[in-house]
Amino acid sequence: MEMYKQKLILTHKGFATMEQIRPQTKKLTARQEDYIEIENHCCLCGTELIFEHKHDDEAIKIKEQGHCPCCKITLKEKEYVVH
């Protein structure tokens, strides 16, 4: 007989395993899948983009750049403010 050890976590309802408290992932709609495909691939050749993330010294802003390794061009550039 094999014994399995599972880490139990105390919740407001008692003890539970991680599998019990993890939210279930929802299946993406076709529209959501299309959006992810467009955002993550080159619009010229269809190659998957490579993203780089850089932050400033104060870590207030994060700059995201997406470039295509095939076309050798930068296609996406966004800047995010950290709260």
C-alpha atoms as a PDB file:
ATOM      1  CA  MET A   1       0.000   0.000   0.000  1.00  0.00           C
ATOM      2  CA  GLU A   2       1.414   3.350  -1.039  1.00  0.00           C
ATOM      3  CA  MET A   3       0.915   6.326   1.209  1.00  0.00           C
ATOM      4  CA  TYR A   4       0.606   9.784  -0.254  1.00  0.00           C
ATOM      5  CA  LYS A   5       1.516  12.814   1.764  1.00  0.00           C
ATOM      6  CA  GLN A   6      -0.334  15.978   0.895  1.00  0.00           C
ATOM      7  CA  LYS A   7       0.300  19.316   2.439  1.00  0.00           C
ATOM      8  CA  LEU A   8      -2.833  20.520   4.177  1.00  0.00           C
ATOM      9  CA  ILE A   9      -3.656  24.183   4.402  1.00  0.00           C
ATOM     10  CA  LEU A  10      -5.865  25.698   7.061  1.00  0.00           C
ATOM     11  CA  THR A  11      -8.693  27.727   5.518  1.00  0.00           C
ATOM     12  CA  HIS A  12     -11.706  29.448   7.044  1.00  0.00           C
ATOM     13  CA  LYS A  13     -13.660  26.230   6.342  1.00  0.00           C
ATOM     14  CA  GLY A  14     -11.092  23.851   7.837  1.00  0.00           C
ATOM     15  CA  PHE A  15      -8.230  21.955   6.241  1.00  0.00           C
ATOM     16  CA  ALA A  16      -7.889  21.573   2.469  1.00  0.00           C
ATOM     17  CA  THR A  17      -5.301  20.480  -0.094  1.00  0.00           C
ATOM     18  CA  MET A  18      -3.845  22.836  -2.700  1.00  0.00           C
ATOM     19  CA  GLU A  19      -5.893  21.112  -5.427  1.00  0.00           C
ATOM     20  CA  GLN A  20      -9.082  21.881  -3.525  1.00  0.00           C
ATOM     21  CA  ILE A  21      -8.415  25.603  -3.087  1.00  0.00           C
ATOM     22  CA  ARG A  22      -6.778  26.372  -6.464  1.00  0.00           C
ATOM     23  CA  PRO A  23      -9.195  28.051  -8.821  1.00  0.00           C
ATOM     24  CA  GLN A  24     -10.103  25.975 -11.857  1.00  0.00           C
ATOM     25  CA  THR A  25      -8.775  27.363 -15.129  1.00  0.00           C
ATOM     26  CA  LYS A  26     -11.454  28.269 -17.612  1.00  0.00           C
ATOM     27  CA  LYS A  27     -11.328  27.268 -21.251  1.00  0.00           C
ATOM     28  CA  LEU A  28     -10.553  30.231 -23.495  1.00  0.00           C
ATOM     29  CA  THR A  29     -13.055  31.311 -26.103  1.00  0.00           C
ATOM     30  CA  ALA A  30     -12.065  31.336 -29.776  1.00  0.00           C
ATOM     31  CA  ARG A  31     -11.897  35.134 -29.646  1.00  0.00           C
ATOM     32  CA  GLN A  32      -9.524  35.044 -26.655  1.00  0.00           C
ATOM     33  CA  GLU A  33      -7.305  32.470 -28.373  1.00  0.00           C
ATOM     34  CA  ASP A  34      -7.179  34.659 -31.509  1.00  0.00           C
ATOM     35  CA  TYR A  35      -6.163  37.674 -29.421  1.00  0.00           C
ATOM     36  CA  ILE A  36      -3.328  35.743 -27.749  1.00  0.00           C
ATOM     37  CA  GLU A  37      -2.154  34.500 -31.150  1.00  0.00           C
ATOM     38  CA  ILE A  38      -2.068  38.055 -32.547  1.00  0.00           C
ATOM     39  CA  GLU A  39      -0.280  39.494 -29.494  1.00  0.00           C
ATOM     40  CA  ASN A  40       2.415  36.815 -29.343  1.00  0.00           C
ATOM     41  CA  HIS A  41       3.277  36.364 -33.041  1.00  0.00           C
ATOM     42  CA  CYS A  42       4.853  38.520 -35.754  1.00  0.00           C
ATOM     43  CA  CYS A  43       2.272  40.142 -38.017  1.00  0.00           C
ATOM     44  CA  LEU A  44       4.669  39.868 -40.988  1.00  0.00           C
ATOM     45  CA  CYS A  45       5.900  36.276 -40.877  1.00  0.00           C
ATOM     46  CA  GLY A  46       3.963  34.587 -38.026  1.00  0.00           C
ATOM     47  CA  THR A  47       7.044  33.715 -35.946  1.00  0.00           C
ATOM     48  CA  GLU A  48       6.591  33.733 -32.168  1.00  0.00           C
ATOM     49  CA  LEU A  49       7.830  37.014 -30.695  1.00  0.00           C
ATOM     50  CA  ILE A  50      10.581  37.185 -28.085  1.00  0.00           C
ATOM     51  CA  PHE A  51       9.720  39.534 -25.228  1.00  0.00           C
ATOM     52  CA  GLU A  52      12.237  41.381 -23.065  1.00  0.00           C
ATOM     53  CA  HIS A  53      11.349  43.203 -19.862  1.00  0.00           C
ATOM     54  CA  LYS A  54      13.499  45.996 -18.462  1.00  0.00           C
ATOM     55  CA  HIS A  55      12.918  48.170 -15.415  1.00  0.00           C
ATOM     56  CA  ASP A  56      14.295  51.540 -14.400  1.00  0.00           C
ATOM     57  CA  ASP A  57      16.537  52.009 -11.368  1.00  0.00           C
ATOM     58  CA  GLU A  58      13.667  52.959  -9.074  1.00  0.00           C
ATOM     59  CA  ALA A  59      11.577  50.018 -10.382  1.00  0.00           C
ATOM     60  CA  ILE A  60       8.676  52.389 -11.051  1.00  0.00           C
ATOM     61  CA  LYS A  61       8.280  51.524 -14.716  1.00  0.00           C
ATOM     62  CA  ILE A  62       8.691  48.276 -16.617  1.00  0.00           C
ATOM     63  CA  LYS A  63       9.347  48.432 -20.339  1.00  0.00           C
ATOM     64  CA  GLU A  64       8.274  45.463 -22.465  1.00  0.00           C
ATOM     65  CA  GLN A  65       9.668  44.970 -25.958  1.00  0.00           C
ATOM     66  CA  GLY A  66       8.618  42.254 -28.365  1.00  0.00           C
ATOM     67  CA  HIS A  67      10.816  41.512 -31.340  1.00  0.00           C
ATOM     68  CA  CYS A  68      10.764  38.991 -34.144  1.00  0.00           C
ATOM     69  CA  PRO A  69      13.916  36.846 -34.403  1.00  0.00           C
ATOM     70  CA  CYS A  70      13.176  36.105 -38.057  1.00  0.00           C
ATOM     71  CA  CYS A  71      12.461  39.651 -39.339  1.00  0.00           C
ATOM     72  CA  LYS A  72      14.924  41.270 -36.893  1.00  0.00           C
ATOM     73  CA  ILE A  73      12.504  44.090 -36.035  1.00  0.00           C
ATOM     74  CA  THR A  74      10.826  45.349 -32.864  1.00  0.00           C
ATOM     75  CA  LEU A  75       7.065  45.100 -33.211  1.00  0.00           C
ATOM     76  CA  LYS A  76       5.647  45.767 -29.773  1.00  0.00           C
ATOM     77  CA  GLU A  77       6.801  48.211 -27.160  1.00  0.00           C
ATOM     78  CA  LYS A  78       4.793  48.940 -24.015  1.00  0.00           C
ATOM     79  CA  GLU A  79       5.579  50.651 -20.750  1.00  0.00           C
ATOM     80  CA  TYR A  80       3.865  49.734 -17.481  1.00  0.00           C
ATOM     81  CA  VAL A  81       3.801  51.696 -14.237  1.00  0.00           C
ATOM     82  CA  VAL A  82       4.283  49.618 -11.078  1.00  0.00           C
ATOM     83  CA  HIS A  83       1.894  50.587  -8.312  1.00  0.00           C
END
